[in-house]
Amino acid sequence: MNVNFTAPGQVSAFLRERGIRPSKALGQNFLADRNVLDCIVREADLPPGAEVVEVGAGLGALTAALLDCGARVTAVEKDPALQAVLEERFGAVPDFSLVRGDALAIDLAPLFAPPRRACLVSNLPYSVGTRVVVDAAACTSPPERMVLLLQREVCERFAAPPRSPARGAVSVWLQRLYDVRLARDVPPQCFVPRPEVMSSVVVLRRHRRFPLPPTEAEQFRELVRAGFLHRRKQLRVAMRGAGGLARPADFAEQAFAAAAVPQNARAEELSVEQWLALRDAWFPARRPLR
């Protein structure tokens, strides 16, 4: 296959030749820029033999770059036409394996569980990118590192600090587990077809500052989710309508005081530490860490 998959013109010609029409519904925008590929691989900082999961491998431009640096790549691809391209390009490569299926439907946990300890390195389909990242982070053994290419708006949400307008539930969920950093912006002309938005490379490196056992981690996620459902309201007021998490007004007031969270705070104002303290107060029968 004599195609330069980092040259947009050749990628466009290849797609026409194969009769492949990128799906906007599936968020298919194929990266075709060597500098961005080099940036992703550099940020991944993979030792030889490292296990990598790539979701939405597409035409395999990033796959090839990862294999070239000595990684063992498990590519997850939903589109049968793109599965055929990946098999043609890498089917005979010992360090490549293909999972045929939808990343939202398969169980990601075994891909990251010991002893593999795989990283997630992907140009994620824009239609499902946030969900894939959240699902990976919620695994019992989350990836130690994620280097991802996504819409800039989504990347900014991942990294948003307290009091930022971009801060949401996903910001808090991810920052409990990861230090999040935007590495570089990627303009539309780096893709085929060109997306209508600016993109960014975002790097998530695992830390262990806020460990929680599984039950408490789920309580934390549910509390944060409920808190951001009505983000324009004061958090204490919003929590009154939080379904199964709702508590009487006097309990909520005492919980906020115990957590040292201002009674008039809004969800986006809280740090991860404050959310953790509020979880402790909201669910007082805390079990010891395992």
C-alpha atoms as a PDB file:
ATOM      1  CA  MET A   1       0.000   0.000   0.000  1.00  0.00           C
ATOM      2  CA  ASN A   2       2.001   2.944  -1.299  1.00  0.00           C
ATOM      3  CA  VAL A   3       0.159   5.775   0.450  1.00  0.00           C
ATOM      4  CA  ASN A   4       1.527   8.520   2.672  1.00  0.00           C
ATOM      5  CA  PHE A   5      -1.142   8.698   5.377  1.00  0.00           C
ATOM      6  CA  THR A   6       0.312  11.951   6.706  1.00  0.00           C
ATOM      7  CA  ALA A   7      -0.348  13.752   3.402  1.00  0.00           C
ATOM      8  CA  PRO A   8      -3.936  15.059   3.250  1.00  0.00           C
ATOM      9  CA  GLY A   9      -4.098  14.905  -0.536  1.00  0.00           C
ATOM     10  CA  GLN A  10      -3.043  11.255  -0.621  1.00  0.00           C
ATOM     11  CA  VAL A  11      -5.454  10.399   2.182  1.00  0.00           C
ATOM     12  CA  SER A  12      -8.330  12.011   0.273  1.00  0.00           C
ATOM     13  CA  ALA A  13      -7.375  10.111  -2.877  1.00  0.00           C
ATOM     14  CA  PHE A  14      -7.160   6.837  -0.953  1.00  0.00           C
ATOM     15  CA  LEU A  15     -10.618   7.344   0.527  1.00  0.00           C
ATOM     16  CA  ARG A  16     -12.093   8.025  -2.925  1.00  0.00           C
ATOM     17  CA  GLU A  17     -10.329   5.006  -4.402  1.00  0.00           C
ATOM     18  CA  ARG A  18     -11.657   2.696  -1.695  1.00  0.00           C
ATOM     19  CA  GLY A  19     -15.123   4.227  -1.706  1.00  0.00           C
ATOM     20  CA  ILE A  20     -14.841   5.161   1.966  1.00  0.00           C
ATOM     21  CA  ARG A  21     -17.000   8.097   2.979  1.00  0.00           C
ATOM     22  CA  PRO A  22     -16.063   9.420   6.432  1.00  0.00           C
ATOM     23  CA  SER A  23     -19.096   9.452   8.690  1.00  0.00           C
ATOM     24  CA  LYS A  24     -19.896  12.718  10.428  1.00  0.00           C
ATOM     25  CA  ALA A  25     -22.246  10.813  12.739  1.00  0.00           C
ATOM     26  CA  LEU A  26     -19.329   8.632  13.858  1.00  0.00           C
ATOM     27  CA  GLY A  27     -17.001  11.628  14.213  1.00  0.00           C
ATOM     28  CA  GLN A  28     -14.553  10.324  11.602  1.00  0.00           C
ATOM     29  CA  ASN A  29     -11.845  12.902  10.949  1.00  0.00           C
ATOM     30  CA  PHE A  30      -8.566  11.230  10.002  1.00  0.00           C
ATOM     31  CA  LEU A  31      -5.391  12.843  11.303  1.00  0.00           C
ATOM     32  CA  ALA A  32      -2.943  13.473   8.454  1.00  0.00           C
ATOM     33  CA  ASP A  33      -0.127  15.533   9.921  1.00  0.00           C
ATOM     34  CA  ARG A  34       3.327  14.212  10.843  1.00  0.00           C
ATOM     35  CA  ASN A  35       4.077  16.946  13.387  1.00  0.00           C
ATOM     36  CA  VAL A  36       0.924  16.206  15.376  1.00  0.00           C
ATOM     37  CA  LEU A  37       1.607  12.466  15.260  1.00  0.00           C
ATOM     38  CA  ASP A  38       5.116  13.103  16.564  1.00  0.00           C
ATOM     39  CA  CYS A  39       3.672  15.262  19.354  1.00  0.00           C
ATOM     40  CA  ILE A  40       1.245  12.531  20.433  1.00  0.00           C
ATOM     41  CA  VAL A  41       3.951   9.858  20.468  1.00  0.00           C
ATOM     42  CA  ARG A  42       6.347  12.150  22.326  1.00  0.00           C
ATOM     43  CA  GLU A  43       3.748  12.985  24.965  1.00  0.00           C
ATOM     44  CA  ALA A  44       2.899   9.299  25.376  1.00  0.00           C
ATOM     45  CA  ASP A  45       6.561   8.675  26.305  1.00  0.00           C
ATOM     46  CA  LEU A  46       6.282   4.935  25.694  1.00  0.00           C
ATOM     47  CA  PRO A  47       9.115   2.534  26.511  1.00  0.00           C
ATOM     48  CA  PRO A  48       9.722  -0.281  24.000  1.00  0.00           C
ATOM     49  CA  GLY A  49       7.132  -2.993  24.409  1.00  0.00           C
ATOM     50  CA  ALA A  50       4.586  -0.725  26.110  1.00  0.00           C
ATOM     51  CA  GLU A  51       0.965  -1.788  25.772  1.00  0.00           C
ATOM     52  CA  VAL A  52      -1.258   0.774  24.071  1.00  0.00           C
ATOM     53  CA  VAL A  53      -4.984   0.827  23.398  1.00  0.00           C
ATOM     54  CA  GLU A  54      -6.031   2.964  20.445  1.00  0.00           C
ATOM     55  CA  VAL A  55      -9.756   3.633  20.110  1.00  0.00           C
ATOM     56  CA  GLY A  56     -10.950   4.663  16.669  1.00  0.00           C
ATOM     57  CA  ALA A  57      -7.794   3.667  14.799  1.00  0.00           C
ATOM     58  CA  GLY A  58      -9.277   4.720  11.456  1.00  0.00           C
ATOM     59  CA  LEU A  59      -6.780   4.473   8.610  1.00  0.00           C
ATOM     60  CA  GLY A  60      -3.906   3.681  10.972  1.00  0.00           C
ATOM     61  CA  ALA A  61      -1.760   6.841  10.812  1.00  0.00           C
ATOM     62  CA  LEU A  62      -1.340   6.931  14.597  1.00  0.00           C
ATOM     63  CA  THR A  63      -1.207   3.128  14.739  1.00  0.00           C
ATOM     64  CA  ALA A  64       1.848   3.129  12.490  1.00  0.00           C
ATOM     65  CA  ALA A  65       3.571   5.832  14.554  1.00  0.00           C
ATOM     66  CA  LEU A  66       2.965   3.878  17.764  1.00  0.00           C
ATOM     67  CA  LEU A  67       4.248   0.639  16.254  1.00  0.00           C
ATOM     68  CA  ASP A  68       7.320   2.455  14.931  1.00  0.00           C
ATOM     69  CA  CYS A  69       8.239   3.518  18.464  1.00  0.00           C
ATOM     70  CA  GLY A  70       8.111  -0.088  19.664  1.00  0.00           C
ATOM     71  CA  ALA A  71       4.658  -0.172  21.272  1.00  0.00           C
ATOM     72  CA  ARG A  72       2.280  -3.130  21.231  1.00  0.00           C
ATOM     73  CA  VAL A  73      -0.987  -1.750  19.875  1.00  0.00           C
ATOM     74  CA  THR A  74      -4.520  -3.007  20.433  1.00  0.00           C
ATOM     75  CA  ALA A  75      -6.708  -1.058  18.032  1.00  0.00           C
ATOM     76  CA  VAL A  76     -10.467  -0.798  18.572  1.00  0.00           C
ATOM     77  CA  GLU A  77     -12.404   0.028  15.417  1.00  0.00           C
ATOM     78  CA  LYS A  78     -16.144  -0.055  14.754  1.00  0.00           C
ATOM     79  CA  ASP A  79     -16.287   0.652  10.998  1.00  0.00           C
ATOM     80  CA  PRO A  80     -15.945  -2.531   8.861  1.00  0.00           C
ATOM     81  CA  ALA A  81     -14.380  -0.589   5.975  1.00  0.00           C
ATOM     82  CA  LEU A  82     -11.681   0.780   8.261  1.00  0.00           C
ATOM     83  CA  GLN A  83     -11.197  -2.613   9.903  1.00  0.00           C
ATOM     84  CA  ALA A  84     -10.299  -3.944   6.445  1.00  0.00           C
ATOM     85  CA  VAL A  85      -7.724  -1.169   5.929  1.00  0.00           C
ATOM     86  CA  LEU A  86      -6.143  -1.837   9.322  1.00  0.00           C
ATOM     87  CA  GLU A  87      -5.928  -5.573   8.635  1.00  0.00           C
ATOM     88  CA  GLU A  88      -4.359  -4.891   5.260  1.00  0.00           C
ATOM     89  CA  ARG A  89      -1.775  -2.555   6.734  1.00  0.00           C
ATOM     90  CA  PHE A  90      -0.943  -4.283  10.016  1.00  0.00           C
ATOM     91  CA  GLY A  91      -2.468  -7.759   9.997  1.00  0.00           C
ATOM     92  CA  ALA A  92       0.952  -9.399   9.671  1.00  0.00           C
ATOM     93  CA  VAL A  93       2.583  -7.231  12.375  1.00  0.00           C
ATOM     94  CA  PRO A  94       3.093  -9.295  15.569  1.00  0.00           C
ATOM     95  CA  ASP A  95       2.683  -6.279  17.871  1.00  0.00           C
ATOM     96  CA  PHE A  96      -0.707  -5.350  16.402  1.00  0.00           C
ATOM     97  CA  SER A  97      -4.113  -6.719  17.326  1.00  0.00           C
ATOM     98  CA  LEU A  98      -7.535  -5.536  16.214  1.00  0.00           C
ATOM     99  CA  VAL A  99     -10.703  -5.482  18.298  1.00  0.00           C
ATOM    100  CA  ARG A 100     -13.660  -5.276  15.933  1.00  0.00           C
ATOM    101  CA  GLY A 101     -16.415  -3.438  17.714  1.00  0.00           C
ATOM    102  CA  ASP A 102     -17.840  -0.335  19.303  1.00  0.00           C
ATOM    103  CA  ALA A 103     -15.731   1.006  22.174  1.00  0.00           C
ATOM    104  CA  LEU A 104     -18.964   2.023  23.918  1.00  0.00           C
ATOM    105  CA  ALA A 105     -20.266  -1.543  23.817  1.00  0.00           C
ATOM    106  CA  ILE A 106     -17.203  -3.620  24.664  1.00  0.00           C
ATOM    107  CA  ASP A 107     -15.713  -4.070  28.136  1.00  0.00           C
ATOM    108  CA  LEU A 108     -12.633  -1.859  28.228  1.00  0.00           C
ATOM    109  CA  ALA A 109     -11.501  -3.020  31.683  1.00  0.00           C
ATOM    110  CA  PRO A 110      -9.527  -6.110  30.531  1.00  0.00           C
ATOM    111  CA  LEU A 111      -7.532  -3.945  28.116  1.00  0.00           C
ATOM    112  CA  PHE A 112      -6.135  -1.863  30.993  1.00  0.00           C
ATOM    113  CA  ALA A 113      -6.027  -4.453  33.793  1.00  0.00           C
ATOM    114  CA  PRO A 114      -2.757  -5.914  35.111  1.00  0.00           C
ATOM    115  CA  PRO A 115      -0.459  -7.227  33.878  1.00  0.00           C
ATOM    116  CA  ARG A 116      -1.044  -5.232  30.673  1.00  0.00           C
ATOM    117  CA  ARG A 117      -1.323  -1.762  32.275  1.00  0.00           C
ATOM    118  CA  ALA A 118      -2.007  -0.312  28.845  1.00  0.00           C
ATOM    119  CA  CYS A 119      -2.082   3.399  28.084  1.00  0.00           C
ATOM    120  CA  LEU A 120      -4.874   4.945  26.025  1.00  0.00           C
ATOM    121  CA  VAL A 121      -3.445   6.856  23.056  1.00  0.00           C
ATOM    122  CA  SER A 122      -5.988   7.863  20.439  1.00  0.00           C
ATOM    123  CA  ASN A 123      -7.358  10.339  17.959  1.00  0.00           C
ATOM    124  CA  LEU A 124     -10.794   9.729  19.414  1.00  0.00           C
ATOM    125  CA  PRO A 125     -13.951   9.952  17.312  1.00  0.00           C
ATOM    126  CA  TYR A 126     -15.456  13.276  18.291  1.00  0.00           C
ATOM    127  CA  SER A 127     -18.951  11.825  18.644  1.00  0.00           C
ATOM    128  CA  VAL A 128     -17.982   9.492  21.502  1.00  0.00           C
ATOM    129  CA  GLY A 129     -14.699  10.865  22.824  1.00  0.00           C
ATOM    130  CA  THR A 130     -15.848  12.058  26.245  1.00  0.00           C
ATOM    131  CA  ARG A 131     -17.739   8.842  26.929  1.00  0.00           C
ATOM    132  CA  VAL A 132     -14.701   6.694  26.043  1.00  0.00           C
ATOM    133  CA  VAL A 133     -12.447   8.683  28.371  1.00  0.00           C
ATOM    134  CA  VAL A 134     -14.932   8.550  31.245  1.00  0.00           C
ATOM    135  CA  ASP A 135     -15.456   4.806  30.744  1.00  0.00           C
ATOM    136  CA  ALA A 136     -11.696   4.183  30.718  1.00  0.00           C
ATOM    137  CA  ALA A 137     -11.180   6.266  33.856  1.00  0.00           C
ATOM    138  CA  ALA A 138     -13.971   4.346  35.620  1.00  0.00           C
ATOM    139  CA  CYS A 139     -12.270   0.966  35.076  1.00  0.00           C
ATOM    140  CA  THR A 140     -11.036  -0.846  38.168  1.00  0.00           C
ATOM    141  CA  SER A 141      -7.499  -0.333  36.861  1.00  0.00           C
ATOM    142  CA  PRO A 142      -7.646   2.917  34.861  1.00  0.00           C
ATOM    143  CA  PRO A 143      -4.944   3.592  32.279  1.00  0.00           C
ATOM    144  CA  GLU A 144      -1.794   5.073  33.771  1.00  0.00           C
ATOM    145  CA  ARG A 145      -1.638   7.604  30.969  1.00  0.00           C
ATOM    146  CA  MET A 146      -3.979   8.922  28.316  1.00  0.00           C
ATOM    147  CA  VAL A 147      -2.831  11.029  25.377  1.00  0.00           C
ATOM    148  CA  LEU A 148      -5.810  12.046  23.304  1.00  0.00           C
ATOM    149  CA  LEU A 149      -6.732  14.193  20.334  1.00  0.00           C
ATOM    150  CA  LEU A 150     -10.191  15.722  20.747  1.00  0.00           C
ATOM    151  CA  GLN A 151     -12.129  18.923  20.228  1.00  0.00           C
ATOM    152  CA  ARG A 152     -10.383  21.757  22.054  1.00  0.00           C
ATOM    153  CA  GLU A 153     -13.588  22.571  23.928  1.00  0.00           C
ATOM    154  CA  VAL A 154     -13.684  19.036  25.350  1.00  0.00           C
ATOM    155  CA  CYS A 155      -9.996  19.096  26.278  1.00  0.00           C
ATOM    156  CA  GLU A 156     -10.468  22.419  28.055  1.00  0.00           C
ATOM    157  CA  ARG A 157     -13.345  20.867  30.000  1.00  0.00           C
ATOM    158  CA  PHE A 158     -11.108  17.992  31.110  1.00  0.00           C
ATOM    159  CA  ALA A 159      -8.484  20.432  32.420  1.00  0.00           C
ATOM    160  CA  ALA A 160     -10.804  23.166  33.748  1.00  0.00           C
ATOM    161  CA  PRO A 161      -9.824  24.412  37.255  1.00  0.00           C
ATOM    162  CA  PRO A 162     -12.311  25.402  39.960  1.00  0.00           C
ATOM    163  CA  ARG A 163     -14.358  28.523  39.174  1.00  0.00           C
ATOM    164  CA  SER A 164     -13.808  28.086  35.457  1.00  0.00           C
ATOM    165  CA  PRO A 165     -16.930  28.291  33.254  1.00  0.00           C
ATOM    166  CA  ALA A 166     -15.740  25.133  31.466  1.00  0.00           C
ATOM    167  CA  ARG A 167     -15.636  23.098  34.686  1.00  0.00           C
ATOM    168  CA  GLY A 168     -18.151  20.274  34.841  1.00  0.00           C
ATOM    169  CA  ALA A 169     -18.666  16.849  36.331  1.00  0.00           C
ATOM    170  CA  VAL A 170     -16.177  15.283  33.915  1.00  0.00           C
ATOM    171  CA  SER A 171     -13.496  17.767  35.060  1.00  0.00           C
ATOM    172  CA  VAL A 172     -13.881  16.643  38.668  1.00  0.00           C
ATOM    173  CA  TRP A 173     -14.118  12.930  37.856  1.00  0.00           C
ATOM    174  CA  LEU A 174     -10.933  12.965  35.783  1.00  0.00           C
ATOM    175  CA  GLN A 175      -8.925  15.265  38.054  1.00  0.00           C
ATOM    176  CA  ARG A 176      -9.502  12.962  41.028  1.00  0.00           C
ATOM    177  CA  LEU A 177      -7.387  10.423  39.142  1.00  0.00           C
ATOM    178  CA  TYR A 178      -5.242  12.416  36.717  1.00  0.00           C
ATOM    179  CA  ASP A 179      -3.137  15.507  36.293  1.00  0.00           C
ATOM    180  CA  VAL A 180      -4.525  17.000  33.091  1.00  0.00           C
ATOM    181  CA  ARG A 181      -2.600  19.212  30.678  1.00  0.00           C
ATOM    182  CA  LEU A 182      -3.240  20.573  27.185  1.00  0.00           C
ATOM    183  CA  ALA A 183      -0.161  19.903  25.049  1.00  0.00           C
ATOM    184  CA  ARG A 184      -0.970  21.715  21.809  1.00  0.00           C
ATOM    185  CA  ASP A 185      -3.761  22.919  19.562  1.00  0.00           C
ATOM    186  CA  VAL A 186      -4.433  21.216  16.235  1.00  0.00           C
ATOM    187  CA  PRO A 187      -6.091  23.212  13.429  1.00  0.00           C
ATOM    188  CA  PRO A 188      -8.741  21.721  11.104  1.00  0.00           C
ATOM    189  CA  GLN A 189      -6.384  21.460   8.117  1.00  0.00           C
ATOM    190  CA  CYS A 190      -4.527  18.623   9.852  1.00  0.00           C
ATOM    191  CA  PHE A 191      -7.486  16.310   9.251  1.00  0.00           C
ATOM    192  CA  VAL A 192      -9.317  14.652   6.367  1.00  0.00           C
ATOM    193  CA  PRO A 193     -12.085  15.713   6.192  1.00  0.00           C
ATOM    194  CA  ARG A 194     -11.581  18.966   8.038  1.00  0.00           C
ATOM    195  CA  PRO A 195     -13.656  19.286  11.196  1.00  0.00           C
ATOM    196  CA  GLU A 196     -15.532  22.487  11.895  1.00  0.00           C
ATOM    197  CA  VAL A 197     -13.787  23.024  15.231  1.00  0.00           C
ATOM    198  CA  MET A 198     -10.285  23.451  16.611  1.00  0.00           C
ATOM    199  CA  SER A 199      -8.793  20.349  18.234  1.00  0.00           C
ATOM    200  CA  SER A 200      -6.175  19.793  20.933  1.00  0.00           C
ATOM    201  CA  VAL A 201      -3.866  17.132  22.267  1.00  0.00           C
ATOM    202  CA  VAL A 202      -4.595  16.549  25.956  1.00  0.00           C
ATOM    203  CA  VAL A 203      -2.394  14.546  28.330  1.00  0.00           C
ATOM    204  CA  LEU A 204      -3.722  12.796  31.431  1.00  0.00           C
ATOM    205  CA  ARG A 205      -1.137  11.304  33.804  1.00  0.00           C
ATOM    206  CA  ARG A 206      -2.340   9.162  36.673  1.00  0.00           C
ATOM    207  CA  HIS A 207      -1.728  10.325  40.223  1.00  0.00           C
ATOM    208  CA  ARG A 208      -2.769   8.616  43.456  1.00  0.00           C
ATOM    209  CA  ARG A 209      -3.497  11.566  45.700  1.00  0.00           C
ATOM    210  CA  PHE A 210      -7.186  10.746  46.208  1.00  0.00           C
ATOM    211  CA  PRO A 211      -7.654   6.969  46.472  1.00  0.00           C
ATOM    212  CA  LEU A 212     -11.168   5.589  46.994  1.00  0.00           C
ATOM    213  CA  PRO A 213     -12.439   2.015  47.134  1.00  0.00           C
ATOM    214  CA  PRO A 214     -14.984   1.137  44.397  1.00  0.00           C
ATOM    215  CA  THR A 215     -18.143   1.823  46.430  1.00  0.00           C
ATOM    216  CA  GLU A 216     -16.954   5.241  47.524  1.00  0.00           C
ATOM    217  CA  ALA A 217     -15.689   6.077  44.048  1.00  0.00           C
ATOM    218  CA  GLU A 218     -19.172   5.417  42.684  1.00  0.00           C
ATOM    219  CA  GLN A 219     -20.723   7.557  45.428  1.00  0.00           C
ATOM    220  CA  PHE A 220     -18.277  10.325  44.529  1.00  0.00           C
ATOM    221  CA  ARG A 221     -19.217  10.144  40.835  1.00  0.00           C
ATOM    222  CA  GLU A 222     -22.943  10.163  41.615  1.00  0.00           C
ATOM    223  CA  LEU A 223     -22.634  13.099  44.010  1.00  0.00           C
ATOM    224  CA  VAL A 224     -20.655  15.138  41.483  1.00  0.00           C
ATOM    225  CA  ARG A 225     -23.078  14.245  38.692  1.00  0.00           C
ATOM    226  CA  ALA A 226     -26.029  15.336  40.803  1.00  0.00           C
ATOM    227  CA  GLY A 227     -24.280  18.530  41.829  1.00  0.00           C
ATOM    228  CA  PHE A 228     -23.783  19.657  38.234  1.00  0.00           C
ATOM    229  CA  LEU A 229     -27.315  18.856  37.054  1.00  0.00           C
ATOM    230  CA  HIS A 230     -28.464  22.368  38.003  1.00  0.00           C
ATOM    231  CA  ARG A 231     -25.201  24.248  37.885  1.00  0.00           C
ATOM    232  CA  ARG A 232     -26.806  27.701  37.866  1.00  0.00           C
ATOM    233  CA  LYS A 233     -28.226  27.058  41.310  1.00  0.00           C
ATOM    234  CA  GLN A 234     -26.343  27.105  44.558  1.00  0.00           C
ATOM    235  CA  LEU A 235     -25.097  23.570  45.119  1.00  0.00           C
ATOM    236  CA  ARG A 236     -26.894  23.098  48.430  1.00  0.00           C
ATOM    237  CA  VAL A 237     -30.188  24.048  46.762  1.00  0.00           C
ATOM    238  CA  ALA A 238     -29.507  21.921  43.688  1.00  0.00           C
ATOM    239  CA  MET A 239     -28.890  18.860  45.841  1.00  0.00           C
ATOM    240  CA  ARG A 240     -32.455  19.026  47.207  1.00  0.00           C
ATOM    241  CA  GLY A 241     -33.640  17.650  43.872  1.00  0.00           C
ATOM    242  CA  ALA A 242     -30.902  15.054  43.509  1.00  0.00           C
ATOM    243  CA  GLY A 243     -33.186  12.027  43.532  1.00  0.00           C
ATOM    244  CA  GLY A 244     -31.781   9.237  45.688  1.00  0.00           C
ATOM    245  CA  LEU A 245     -29.021  11.545  46.922  1.00  0.00           C
ATOM    246  CA  ALA A 246     -31.383  14.242  48.210  1.00  0.00           C
ATOM    247  CA  ARG A 247     -31.133  15.035  51.923  1.00  0.00           C
ATOM    248  CA  PRO A 248     -33.186  17.268  54.271  1.00  0.00           C
ATOM    249  CA  ALA A 249     -32.198  20.919  54.318  1.00  0.00           C
ATOM    250  CA  ASP A 250     -30.718  20.741  57.822  1.00  0.00           C
ATOM    251  CA  PHE A 251     -28.635  17.663  56.899  1.00  0.00           C
ATOM    252  CA  ALA A 252     -27.302  19.423  53.791  1.00  0.00           C
ATOM    253  CA  GLU A 253     -26.416  22.518  55.792  1.00  0.00           C
ATOM    254  CA  GLN A 254     -24.529  20.432  58.360  1.00  0.00           C
ATOM    255  CA  ALA A 255     -22.783  18.413  55.627  1.00  0.00           C
ATOM    256  CA  PHE A 256     -21.571  21.567  53.882  1.00  0.00           C
ATOM    257  CA  ALA A 257     -20.301  22.929  57.190  1.00  0.00           C
ATOM    258  CA  ALA A 258     -18.513  19.646  57.988  1.00  0.00           C
ATOM    259  CA  ALA A 259     -16.880  19.674  54.567  1.00  0.00           C
ATOM    260  CA  ALA A 260     -15.864  23.362  54.913  1.00  0.00           C
ATOM    261  CA  VAL A 261     -17.806  24.143  51.737  1.00  0.00           C
ATOM    262  CA  PRO A 262     -19.504  27.571  51.692  1.00  0.00           C
ATOM    263  CA  GLN A 263     -23.276  27.294  51.985  1.00  0.00           C
ATOM    264  CA  ASN A 264     -23.730  29.432  48.850  1.00  0.00           C
ATOM    265  CA  ALA A 265     -21.142  27.608  46.708  1.00  0.00           C
ATOM    266  CA  ARG A 266     -21.922  26.471  43.177  1.00  0.00           C
ATOM    267  CA  ALA A 267     -20.749  23.159  41.775  1.00  0.00           C
ATOM    268  CA  GLU A 268     -18.015  24.568  39.526  1.00  0.00           C
ATOM    269  CA  GLU A 269     -16.407  26.414  42.449  1.00  0.00           C
ATOM    270  CA  LEU A 270     -15.404  23.291  44.376  1.00  0.00           C
ATOM    271  CA  SER A 271     -11.961  21.683  44.170  1.00  0.00           C
ATOM    272  CA  VAL A 272     -11.568  17.920  44.035  1.00  0.00           C
ATOM    273  CA  GLU A 273     -10.602  17.992  47.713  1.00  0.00           C
ATOM    274  CA  GLN A 274     -13.815  19.821  48.595  1.00  0.00           C
ATOM    275  CA  TRP A 275     -15.915  17.356  46.614  1.00  0.00           C
ATOM    276  CA  LEU A 276     -14.212  14.508  48.463  1.00  0.00           C
ATOM    277  CA  ALA A 277     -14.905  16.153  51.802  1.00  0.00           C
ATOM    278  CA  LEU A 278     -18.521  16.660  50.804  1.00  0.00           C
ATOM    279  CA  ARG A 279     -18.790  12.995  49.837  1.00  0.00           C
ATOM    280  CA  ASP A 280     -17.524  12.034  53.287  1.00  0.00           C
ATOM    281  CA  ALA A 281     -20.163  14.232  54.885  1.00  0.00           C
ATOM    282  CA  TRP A 282     -22.960  13.138  52.550  1.00  0.00           C
ATOM    283  CA  PHE A 283     -22.262   9.448  53.155  1.00  0.00           C
ATOM    284  CA  PRO A 284     -21.072   9.455  56.781  1.00  0.00           C
ATOM    285  CA  ALA A 285     -20.741   5.660  57.178  1.00  0.00           C
ATOM    286  CA  ARG A 286     -17.388   5.645  55.426  1.00  0.00           C
ATOM    287  CA  ARG A 287     -15.548   2.356  55.139  1.00  0.00           C
ATOM    288  CA  PRO A 288     -11.769   2.145  55.594  1.00  0.00           C
ATOM    289  CA  LEU A 289      -9.675   2.166  52.419  1.00  0.00           C
ATOM    290  CA  ARG A 290      -8.736  -1.249  51.085  1.00  0.00           C
END
